[in-house]
Amino acid sequence: MRTLALILLIIGGINWLLVGLFQIDVVGALFGGTYTALARTVYVIVGLAALYALTLFPVVNRRVEEA
């Protein structure tokens, strides 16, 4: 689950980078437009992965303290 969340966050981050630099929305382009149901579903899944990633802070902090 953590790996999947990380992959989705990387995809979302790269998409936002491309939107910010070149005004290219890769997710929207791949799924027929920014406001299609499929593209919006992808955005929601990436957002849920980000919310899940918030729960990983204690895990990261614990590992840093152990090192």
C-alpha atoms as a PDB file:
ATOM      1  CA  MET A   1       0.000   0.000   0.000  1.00  0.00           C
ATOM      2  CA  ARG A   2       2.816   2.420   0.832  1.00  0.00           C
ATOM      3  CA  THR A   3       4.556   1.714  -2.454  1.00  0.00           C
ATOM      4  CA  LEU A   4       1.361   2.286  -4.419  1.00  0.00           C
ATOM      5  CA  ALA A   5       0.769   5.576  -2.595  1.00  0.00           C
ATOM      6  CA  LEU A   6       4.333   6.656  -3.379  1.00  0.00           C
ATOM      7  CA  ILE A   7       3.943   5.792  -7.067  1.00  0.00           C
ATOM      8  CA  LEU A   8       0.679   7.732  -7.272  1.00  0.00           C
ATOM      9  CA  LEU A   9       2.229  10.729  -5.523  1.00  0.00           C
ATOM     10  CA  ILE A  10       5.140  10.711  -7.955  1.00  0.00           C
ATOM     11  CA  ILE A  11       2.749  10.566 -10.913  1.00  0.00           C
ATOM     12  CA  GLY A  12       0.721  13.436  -9.454  1.00  0.00           C
ATOM     13  CA  GLY A  13       3.834  15.468  -8.710  1.00  0.00           C
ATOM     14  CA  ILE A  14       5.194  15.046 -12.225  1.00  0.00           C
ATOM     15  CA  ASN A  15       1.803  15.968 -13.665  1.00  0.00           C
ATOM     16  CA  TRP A  16       1.729  19.170 -11.586  1.00  0.00           C
ATOM     17  CA  LEU A  17       5.306  19.959 -12.625  1.00  0.00           C
ATOM     18  CA  LEU A  18       4.315  19.708 -16.278  1.00  0.00           C
ATOM     19  CA  VAL A  19       1.188  21.791 -15.680  1.00  0.00           C
ATOM     20  CA  GLY A  20       3.230  24.483 -13.939  1.00  0.00           C
ATOM     21  CA  LEU A  21       6.081  24.608 -16.431  1.00  0.00           C
ATOM     22  CA  PHE A  22       4.409  23.886 -19.752  1.00  0.00           C
ATOM     23  CA  GLN A  23       0.643  24.004 -19.120  1.00  0.00           C
ATOM     24  CA  ILE A  24       0.438  20.332 -20.130  1.00  0.00           C
ATOM     25  CA  ASP A  25      -1.947  18.155 -18.138  1.00  0.00           C
ATOM     26  CA  VAL A  26      -0.777  14.634 -18.971  1.00  0.00           C
ATOM     27  CA  VAL A  27      -3.541  12.955 -16.965  1.00  0.00           C
ATOM     28  CA  GLY A  28      -6.166  15.032 -18.740  1.00  0.00           C
ATOM     29  CA  ALA A  29      -4.557  14.382 -22.114  1.00  0.00           C
ATOM     30  CA  LEU A  30      -4.427  10.627 -21.536  1.00  0.00           C
ATOM     31  CA  PHE A  31      -7.996  10.334 -20.316  1.00  0.00           C
ATOM     32  CA  GLY A  32      -9.863  12.599 -22.725  1.00  0.00           C
ATOM     33  CA  GLY A  33      -9.762  15.949 -20.954  1.00  0.00           C
ATOM     34  CA  THR A  34      -9.343  17.386 -17.497  1.00  0.00           C
ATOM     35  CA  TYR A  35     -13.040  17.220 -16.628  1.00  0.00           C
ATOM     36  CA  THR A  36     -13.888  13.740 -17.892  1.00  0.00           C
ATOM     37  CA  ALA A  37     -15.055  11.199 -15.352  1.00  0.00           C
ATOM     38  CA  LEU A  38     -11.978   9.042 -15.890  1.00  0.00           C
ATOM     39  CA  ALA A  39      -9.496  11.895 -15.428  1.00  0.00           C
ATOM     40  CA  ARG A  40     -11.340  13.111 -12.339  1.00  0.00           C
ATOM     41  CA  THR A  41     -11.226   9.573 -10.949  1.00  0.00           C
ATOM     42  CA  VAL A  42      -7.451   9.540 -11.402  1.00  0.00           C
ATOM     43  CA  TYR A  43      -7.176  12.924  -9.651  1.00  0.00           C
ATOM     44  CA  VAL A  44      -9.265  11.617  -6.742  1.00  0.00           C
ATOM     45  CA  ILE A  45      -7.137   8.474  -6.426  1.00  0.00           C
ATOM     46  CA  VAL A  46      -3.931  10.534  -6.403  1.00  0.00           C
ATOM     47  CA  GLY A  47      -5.465  12.835  -3.785  1.00  0.00           C
ATOM     48  CA  LEU A  48      -6.431   9.879  -1.624  1.00  0.00           C
ATOM     49  CA  ALA A  49      -2.863   8.596  -1.906  1.00  0.00           C
ATOM     50  CA  ALA A  50      -1.664  11.973  -0.634  1.00  0.00           C
ATOM     51  CA  LEU A  51      -4.032  11.786   2.332  1.00  0.00           C
ATOM     52  CA  TYR A  52      -2.803   8.270   3.074  1.00  0.00           C
ATOM     53  CA  ALA A  53       0.796   9.499   2.888  1.00  0.00           C
ATOM     54  CA  LEU A  54       0.057  11.875   5.766  1.00  0.00           C
ATOM     55  CA  THR A  55      -0.282   8.822   7.992  1.00  0.00           C
ATOM     56  CA  LEU A  56       3.297   7.818   7.186  1.00  0.00           C
ATOM     57  CA  PHE A  57       4.929  10.691   9.076  1.00  0.00           C
ATOM     58  CA  PRO A  58       5.117   8.711  12.353  1.00  0.00           C
ATOM     59  CA  VAL A  59       6.789   5.833  10.485  1.00  0.00           C
ATOM     60  CA  VAL A  60       9.379   8.150   8.954  1.00  0.00           C
ATOM     61  CA  ASN A  61      10.018   9.917  12.263  1.00  0.00           C
ATOM     62  CA  ARG A  62      10.463   6.591  14.062  1.00  0.00           C
ATOM     63  CA  ARG A  63      13.029   5.441  11.520  1.00  0.00           C
ATOM     64  CA  VAL A  64      14.947   8.726  11.725  1.00  0.00           C
ATOM     65  CA  GLU A  65      15.112   8.486  15.523  1.00  0.00           C
ATOM     66  CA  GLU A  66      16.386   4.897  15.315  1.00  0.00           C
ATOM     67  CA  ALA A  67      19.231   5.836  12.993  1.00  0.00           C
END
